């Protein structure tokens, strides 16, 4: 029911696995019944990799195929930037944050789920100009896409005190934007949040922060 969800978490926390791999597939075949999903990444290669991972799941994940049957036929539109799934009337498209996204329709459906996966890094957030430019793209180009029911889900690291993730956090926590903000450091109050992957304090000291 939440239209804006912002999640910051440490590196290797599986946020991309849950939000950019599992969520798009579940949103198509599950109760949300999404028809036009947009994956947004920082660069073209990263965007294409997101779609490669989804494609691999749709053609080889046995449990998924047992439950839902074949997703792909030779007549379907599958390429490095888009996957069309006719049996569900759905499209999953991957783009980079800097490219034009005007007219992003699938049949009569505007984008109804937009997932922003690590759209900034330390280098891109280094200058005020870079931070402001990204913020303008997100708020003026991407967030107005779709309808009032379109979901926007942001996942990433805290790469700068004035980053897009921080600006979104401040909007949500101040009540100026509806939504949910969640923050997951590797270590919180001297407790490791993922002990199965990082069994002790020395497992990955570099990941103890959110960047």
C-alpha atoms as a PDB file:
ATOM      1  CA  UNK A   1       0.000   0.000   0.000  1.00  0.00           C
ATOM      2  CA  UNK A   2       2.985   2.326   0.399  1.00  0.00           C
ATOM      3  CA  UNK A   3       3.811   4.285  -2.749  1.00  0.00           C
ATOM      4  CA  UNK A   4       7.321   5.382  -1.733  1.00  0.00           C
ATOM      5  CA  UNK A   5       9.787   3.058  -0.006  1.00  0.00           C
ATOM      6  CA  UNK A   6      13.417   4.035   0.594  1.00  0.00           C
ATOM      7  CA  UNK A   7      15.889   1.443   1.896  1.00  0.00           C
ATOM      8  CA  UNK A   8      19.523   2.124   2.705  1.00  0.00           C
ATOM      9  CA  UNK A   9      21.645  -0.846   3.666  1.00  0.00           C
ATOM     10  CA  UNK A  10      25.239  -1.968   3.816  1.00  0.00           C
ATOM     11  CA  UNK A  11      26.963  -3.473   0.796  1.00  0.00           C
ATOM     12  CA  UNK A  12      26.312  -7.178   0.222  1.00  0.00           C
ATOM     13  CA  UNK A  13      23.104  -6.973   2.244  1.00  0.00           C
ATOM     14  CA  UNK A  14      21.082  -8.658  -0.566  1.00  0.00           C
ATOM     15  CA  UNK A  15      18.964  -5.556  -1.149  1.00  0.00           C
ATOM     16  CA  UNK A  16      19.298  -5.892  -4.936  1.00  0.00           C
ATOM     17  CA  UNK A  17      18.404  -9.583  -4.776  1.00  0.00           C
ATOM     18  CA  UNK A  18      15.183  -8.851  -2.918  1.00  0.00           C
ATOM     19  CA  UNK A  19      14.184  -5.578  -4.581  1.00  0.00           C
ATOM     20  CA  UNK A  20      15.532  -5.763  -8.145  1.00  0.00           C
ATOM     21  CA  UNK A  21      15.335  -9.513  -8.802  1.00  0.00           C
ATOM     22  CA  UNK A  22      12.648 -11.134  -6.654  1.00  0.00           C
ATOM     23  CA  UNK A  23      10.286  -8.154  -6.349  1.00  0.00           C
ATOM     24  CA  UNK A  24       9.781  -7.501 -10.099  1.00  0.00           C
ATOM     25  CA  UNK A  25       8.981 -11.166 -10.758  1.00  0.00           C
ATOM     26  CA  UNK A  26       6.663 -11.442  -7.752  1.00  0.00           C
ATOM     27  CA  UNK A  27       4.957  -8.174  -8.706  1.00  0.00           C
ATOM     28  CA  UNK A  28       4.090  -9.669 -12.100  1.00  0.00           C
ATOM     29  CA  UNK A  29       2.957 -13.154 -11.038  1.00  0.00           C
ATOM     30  CA  UNK A  30       1.701 -12.254  -7.548  1.00  0.00           C
ATOM     31  CA  UNK A  31      -1.241 -10.340  -6.166  1.00  0.00           C
ATOM     32  CA  UNK A  32       0.071  -6.909  -7.176  1.00  0.00           C
ATOM     33  CA  UNK A  33      -0.427  -7.839 -10.842  1.00  0.00           C
ATOM     34  CA  UNK A  34       1.948  -5.156 -12.142  1.00  0.00           C
ATOM     35  CA  UNK A  35       2.011  -4.607 -15.902  1.00  0.00           C
ATOM     36  CA  UNK A  36       4.811  -2.130 -16.603  1.00  0.00           C
ATOM     37  CA  UNK A  37       7.859  -2.360 -14.343  1.00  0.00           C
ATOM     38  CA  UNK A  38      10.829  -0.036 -14.720  1.00  0.00           C
ATOM     39  CA  UNK A  39      14.266  -0.815 -13.277  1.00  0.00           C
ATOM     40  CA  UNK A  40      16.563   2.199 -12.974  1.00  0.00           C
ATOM     41  CA  UNK A  41      20.288   1.910 -12.410  1.00  0.00           C
ATOM     42  CA  UNK A  42      23.214   4.301 -12.539  1.00  0.00           C
ATOM     43  CA  UNK A  43      24.722   3.115 -15.844  1.00  0.00           C
ATOM     44  CA  UNK A  44      23.714   1.182 -18.943  1.00  0.00           C
ATOM     45  CA  UNK A  45      25.799  -1.913 -18.088  1.00  0.00           C
ATOM     46  CA  UNK A  46      24.331  -2.061 -14.579  1.00  0.00           C
ATOM     47  CA  UNK A  47      20.812  -1.696 -15.952  1.00  0.00           C
ATOM     48  CA  UNK A  48      21.404  -4.472 -18.455  1.00  0.00           C
ATOM     49  CA  UNK A  49      22.805  -6.746 -15.744  1.00  0.00           C
ATOM     50  CA  UNK A  50      19.617  -6.348 -13.702  1.00  0.00           C
ATOM     51  CA  UNK A  51      17.600  -7.617 -16.653  1.00  0.00           C
ATOM     52  CA  UNK A  52      20.043 -10.459 -17.334  1.00  0.00           C
ATOM     53  CA  UNK A  53      19.544 -11.703 -13.784  1.00  0.00           C
ATOM     54  CA  UNK A  54      15.745 -11.592 -14.114  1.00  0.00           C
ATOM     55  CA  UNK A  55      15.888 -13.357 -17.485  1.00  0.00           C
ATOM     56  CA  UNK A  56      18.021 -16.103 -15.973  1.00  0.00           C
ATOM     57  CA  UNK A  57      15.458 -16.646 -13.226  1.00  0.00           C
ATOM     58  CA  UNK A  58      12.551 -16.764 -15.657  1.00  0.00           C
ATOM     59  CA  UNK A  59      14.124 -19.445 -17.843  1.00  0.00           C
ATOM     60  CA  UNK A  60      15.938 -21.612 -15.300  1.00  0.00           C
ATOM     61  CA  UNK A  61      14.441 -21.357 -11.813  1.00  0.00           C
ATOM     62  CA  UNK A  62      12.703 -24.739 -11.443  1.00  0.00           C
ATOM     63  CA  UNK A  63      10.356 -23.830  -8.602  1.00  0.00           C
ATOM     64  CA  UNK A  64       9.194 -20.744 -10.478  1.00  0.00           C
ATOM     65  CA  UNK A  65       8.664 -22.705 -13.709  1.00  0.00           C
ATOM     66  CA  UNK A  66       6.842 -25.513 -11.885  1.00  0.00           C
ATOM     67  CA  UNK A  67       4.384 -23.015 -10.423  1.00  0.00           C
ATOM     68  CA  UNK A  68       3.877 -20.722 -13.421  1.00  0.00           C
ATOM     69  CA  UNK A  69       4.969 -22.588 -16.529  1.00  0.00           C
ATOM     70  CA  UNK A  70       7.168 -21.239 -19.306  1.00  0.00           C
ATOM     71  CA  UNK A  71       7.611 -17.484 -19.436  1.00  0.00           C
ATOM     72  CA  UNK A  72       9.364 -17.206 -22.799  1.00  0.00           C
ATOM     73  CA  UNK A  73       8.627 -18.205 -26.376  1.00  0.00           C
ATOM     74  CA  UNK A  74      10.557 -17.334 -29.513  1.00  0.00           C
ATOM     75  CA  UNK A  75       7.887 -14.813 -30.500  1.00  0.00           C
ATOM     76  CA  UNK A  76       8.256 -12.752 -27.325  1.00  0.00           C
ATOM     77  CA  UNK A  77      10.145  -9.466 -27.154  1.00  0.00           C
ATOM     78  CA  UNK A  78      13.195 -10.234 -25.031  1.00  0.00           C
ATOM     79  CA  UNK A  79      16.375  -8.218 -25.428  1.00  0.00           C
ATOM     80  CA  UNK A  80      19.035  -6.585 -23.284  1.00  0.00           C
ATOM     81  CA  UNK A  81      16.685  -3.764 -22.212  1.00  0.00           C
ATOM     82  CA  UNK A  82      13.201  -5.270 -22.016  1.00  0.00           C
ATOM     83  CA  UNK A  83      11.315  -8.471 -21.280  1.00  0.00           C
ATOM     84  CA  UNK A  84       7.707  -8.847 -22.404  1.00  0.00           C
ATOM     85  CA  UNK A  85       5.709 -11.593 -20.690  1.00  0.00           C
ATOM     86  CA  UNK A  86       2.508 -12.026 -22.743  1.00  0.00           C
ATOM     87  CA  UNK A  87       0.852 -14.565 -20.456  1.00  0.00           C
ATOM     88  CA  UNK A  88       0.700 -11.860 -17.785  1.00  0.00           C
ATOM     89  CA  UNK A  89       0.405  -8.881 -20.129  1.00  0.00           C
ATOM     90  CA  UNK A  90       3.513  -7.449 -18.508  1.00  0.00           C
ATOM     91  CA  UNK A  91       6.760  -5.746 -19.454  1.00  0.00           C
ATOM     92  CA  UNK A  92       9.945  -5.304 -17.421  1.00  0.00           C
ATOM     93  CA  UNK A  93      12.297  -2.615 -18.732  1.00  0.00           C
ATOM     94  CA  UNK A  94      15.749  -1.573 -17.523  1.00  0.00           C
ATOM     95  CA  UNK A  95      17.156   1.929 -18.064  1.00  0.00           C
ATOM     96  CA  UNK A  96      20.009   4.063 -16.811  1.00  0.00           C
ATOM     97  CA  UNK A  97      19.246   7.179 -14.802  1.00  0.00           C
ATOM     98  CA  UNK A  98      20.449   9.551 -17.510  1.00  0.00           C
ATOM     99  CA  UNK A  99      18.466   8.336 -20.523  1.00  0.00           C
ATOM    100  CA  UNK A 100      15.144   9.603 -21.832  1.00  0.00           C
ATOM    101  CA  UNK A 101      12.128   7.782 -20.427  1.00  0.00           C
ATOM    102  CA  UNK A 102       9.295   9.707 -22.068  1.00  0.00           C
ATOM    103  CA  UNK A 103       6.422   7.621 -23.409  1.00  0.00           C
ATOM    104  CA  UNK A 104       7.226   4.582 -21.262  1.00  0.00           C
ATOM    105  CA  UNK A 105       3.993   2.698 -21.892  1.00  0.00           C
ATOM    106  CA  UNK A 106       3.183  -0.970 -22.271  1.00  0.00           C
ATOM    107  CA  UNK A 107      -0.056  -1.230 -24.217  1.00  0.00           C
ATOM    108  CA  UNK A 108      -2.375   0.971 -22.140  1.00  0.00           C
ATOM    109  CA  UNK A 109      -0.300   0.748 -18.941  1.00  0.00           C
ATOM    110  CA  UNK A 110       1.990   3.466 -17.668  1.00  0.00           C
ATOM    111  CA  UNK A 111       4.843   2.412 -15.342  1.00  0.00           C
ATOM    112  CA  UNK A 112       3.226   1.020 -12.190  1.00  0.00           C
ATOM    113  CA  UNK A 113       6.385  -0.042 -10.338  1.00  0.00           C
ATOM    114  CA  UNK A 114       9.709   1.829 -10.555  1.00  0.00           C
ATOM    115  CA  UNK A 115      12.731   0.439  -8.718  1.00  0.00           C
ATOM    116  CA  UNK A 116      15.827   2.620  -8.331  1.00  0.00           C
ATOM    117  CA  UNK A 117      18.852   0.417  -7.641  1.00  0.00           C
ATOM    118  CA  UNK A 118      22.066   2.215  -6.591  1.00  0.00           C
ATOM    119  CA  UNK A 119      21.547   5.227  -8.846  1.00  0.00           C
ATOM    120  CA  UNK A 120      24.427   7.105  -7.197  1.00  0.00           C
ATOM    121  CA  UNK A 121      27.881   6.353  -5.879  1.00  0.00           C
ATOM    122  CA  UNK A 122      30.590   8.230  -4.020  1.00  0.00           C
ATOM    123  CA  UNK A 123      32.020   9.697  -7.213  1.00  0.00           C
ATOM    124  CA  UNK A 124      28.722  10.931  -8.668  1.00  0.00           C
ATOM    125  CA  UNK A 125      27.712  12.446  -5.317  1.00  0.00           C
ATOM    126  CA  UNK A 126      31.060  14.174  -4.831  1.00  0.00           C
ATOM    127  CA  UNK A 127      30.030  17.585  -6.178  1.00  0.00           C
ATOM    128  CA  UNK A 128      27.017  19.769  -5.422  1.00  0.00           C
ATOM    129  CA  UNK A 129      26.325  19.996  -9.148  1.00  0.00           C
ATOM    130  CA  UNK A 130      26.242  16.209  -9.486  1.00  0.00           C
ATOM    131  CA  UNK A 131      23.919  15.777  -6.506  1.00  0.00           C
ATOM    132  CA  UNK A 132      21.548  18.493  -7.687  1.00  0.00           C
ATOM    133  CA  UNK A 133      21.461  17.128 -11.230  1.00  0.00           C
ATOM    134  CA  UNK A 134      20.545  13.634 -10.048  1.00  0.00           C
ATOM    135  CA  UNK A 135      17.889  15.013  -7.706  1.00  0.00           C
ATOM    136  CA  UNK A 136      16.335  16.975 -10.555  1.00  0.00           C
ATOM    137  CA  UNK A 137      16.254  13.896 -12.797  1.00  0.00           C
ATOM    138  CA  UNK A 138      14.646  11.779 -10.092  1.00  0.00           C
ATOM    139  CA  UNK A 139      12.039  14.291  -8.986  1.00  0.00           C
ATOM    140  CA  UNK A 140      11.188  15.890 -12.339  1.00  0.00           C
ATOM    141  CA  UNK A 141      11.616  13.028 -14.799  1.00  0.00           C
ATOM    142  CA  UNK A 142      11.061   9.732 -13.003  1.00  0.00           C
ATOM    143  CA  UNK A 143       8.790  10.290 -10.026  1.00  0.00           C
ATOM    144  CA  UNK A 144       6.053  11.977 -12.102  1.00  0.00           C
ATOM    145  CA  UNK A 145       5.894   8.875 -14.318  1.00  0.00           C
ATOM    146  CA  UNK A 146       2.920   6.573 -14.107  1.00  0.00           C
ATOM    147  CA  UNK A 147      -0.176   7.287 -12.055  1.00  0.00           C
ATOM    148  CA  UNK A 148      -1.029   8.123  -8.463  1.00  0.00           C
ATOM    149  CA  UNK A 149      -0.792   4.401  -7.696  1.00  0.00           C
ATOM    150  CA  UNK A 150       2.699   3.884  -9.127  1.00  0.00           C
ATOM    151  CA  UNK A 151       5.134   2.554  -6.533  1.00  0.00           C
ATOM    152  CA  UNK A 152       8.645   4.038  -6.261  1.00  0.00           C
ATOM    153  CA  UNK A 153      11.200   1.914  -4.423  1.00  0.00           C
ATOM    154  CA  UNK A 154      14.712   3.249  -3.816  1.00  0.00           C
ATOM    155  CA  UNK A 155      17.574   1.063  -2.610  1.00  0.00           C
ATOM    156  CA  UNK A 156      21.154   2.123  -2.099  1.00  0.00           C
ATOM    157  CA  UNK A 157      23.957   3.170   0.216  1.00  0.00           C
ATOM    158  CA  UNK A 158      24.574   6.404   2.073  1.00  0.00           C
ATOM    159  CA  UNK A 159      27.317   7.813  -0.117  1.00  0.00           C
ATOM    160  CA  UNK A 160      27.113  11.457   0.985  1.00  0.00           C
ATOM    161  CA  UNK A 161      25.354  13.545   3.680  1.00  0.00           C
ATOM    162  CA  UNK A 162      23.461  15.355   0.893  1.00  0.00           C
ATOM    163  CA  UNK A 163      22.833  12.356  -1.361  1.00  0.00           C
ATOM    164  CA  UNK A 164      19.515  11.517  -2.995  1.00  0.00           C
ATOM    165  CA  UNK A 165      18.876   8.813  -0.388  1.00  0.00           C
ATOM    166  CA  UNK A 166      19.408  11.339   2.420  1.00  0.00           C
ATOM    167  CA  UNK A 167      17.149  13.907   0.759  1.00  0.00           C
ATOM    168  CA  UNK A 168      14.411  11.274   0.415  1.00  0.00           C
ATOM    169  CA  UNK A 169      14.890  10.285   4.052  1.00  0.00           C
ATOM    170  CA  UNK A 170      14.464  13.872   5.174  1.00  0.00           C
ATOM    171  CA  UNK A 171      11.311  14.342   3.098  1.00  0.00           C
ATOM    172  CA  UNK A 172       9.711  11.201   4.521  1.00  0.00           C
ATOM    173  CA  UNK A 173      10.755  11.731   8.126  1.00  0.00           C
ATOM    174  CA  UNK A 174       9.587  15.358   8.052  1.00  0.00           C
ATOM    175  CA  UNK A 175       6.219  14.354   6.659  1.00  0.00           C
ATOM    176  CA  UNK A 176       6.665  16.328   3.440  1.00  0.00           C
ATOM    177  CA  UNK A 177       6.466  13.081   1.421  1.00  0.00           C
ATOM    178  CA  UNK A 178       4.448  10.008   2.286  1.00  0.00           C
ATOM    179  CA  UNK A 179       6.343   6.746   2.436  1.00  0.00           C
ATOM    180  CA  UNK A 180       8.563   4.463   4.479  1.00  0.00           C
ATOM    181  CA  UNK A 181      12.262   4.870   5.173  1.00  0.00           C
ATOM    182  CA  UNK A 182      14.320   1.931   6.470  1.00  0.00           C
ATOM    183  CA  UNK A 183      18.005   1.897   7.371  1.00  0.00           C
ATOM    184  CA  UNK A 184      20.095  -1.218   7.928  1.00  0.00           C
ATOM    185  CA  UNK A 185      23.731  -0.898   9.044  1.00  0.00           C
ATOM    186  CA  UNK A 186      25.669  -4.119   9.349  1.00  0.00           C
ATOM    187  CA  UNK A 187      26.288  -3.488  13.058  1.00  0.00           C
ATOM    188  CA  UNK A 188      23.726  -1.765  15.249  1.00  0.00           C
ATOM    189  CA  UNK A 189      24.175  -1.387  19.029  1.00  0.00           C
ATOM    190  CA  UNK A 190      27.097  -3.840  18.792  1.00  0.00           C
ATOM    191  CA  UNK A 191      24.817  -6.489  17.270  1.00  0.00           C
ATOM    192  CA  UNK A 192      25.470  -7.877  13.774  1.00  0.00           C
ATOM    193  CA  UNK A 193      22.218  -7.736  11.809  1.00  0.00           C
ATOM    194  CA  UNK A 194      23.192 -10.610   9.507  1.00  0.00           C
ATOM    195  CA  UNK A 195      25.197 -13.065  11.624  1.00  0.00           C
ATOM    196  CA  UNK A 196      24.770 -15.882   9.110  1.00  0.00           C
ATOM    197  CA  UNK A 197      26.776 -13.960   6.513  1.00  0.00           C
ATOM    198  CA  UNK A 198      29.039 -12.021   8.905  1.00  0.00           C
ATOM    199  CA  UNK A 199      29.533 -14.225  11.995  1.00  0.00           C
ATOM    200  CA  UNK A 200      31.835 -11.881  13.912  1.00  0.00           C
ATOM    201  CA  UNK A 201      32.834  -8.254  14.219  1.00  0.00           C
ATOM    202  CA  UNK A 202      35.915  -8.758  12.069  1.00  0.00           C
ATOM    203  CA  UNK A 203      34.058 -10.360   9.132  1.00  0.00           C
ATOM    204  CA  UNK A 204      33.854  -7.170   7.147  1.00  0.00           C
ATOM    205  CA  UNK A 205      34.791  -3.995   8.972  1.00  0.00           C
ATOM    206  CA  UNK A 206      34.364  -1.983   5.789  1.00  0.00           C
ATOM    207  CA  UNK A 207      30.680  -2.864   5.710  1.00  0.00           C
ATOM    208  CA  UNK A 208      29.879  -1.646   9.208  1.00  0.00           C
ATOM    209  CA  UNK A 209      28.589   1.577   7.734  1.00  0.00           C
ATOM    210  CA  UNK A 210      25.842   2.061   5.163  1.00  0.00           C
ATOM    211  CA  UNK A 211      28.139   3.130   2.353  1.00  0.00           C
END
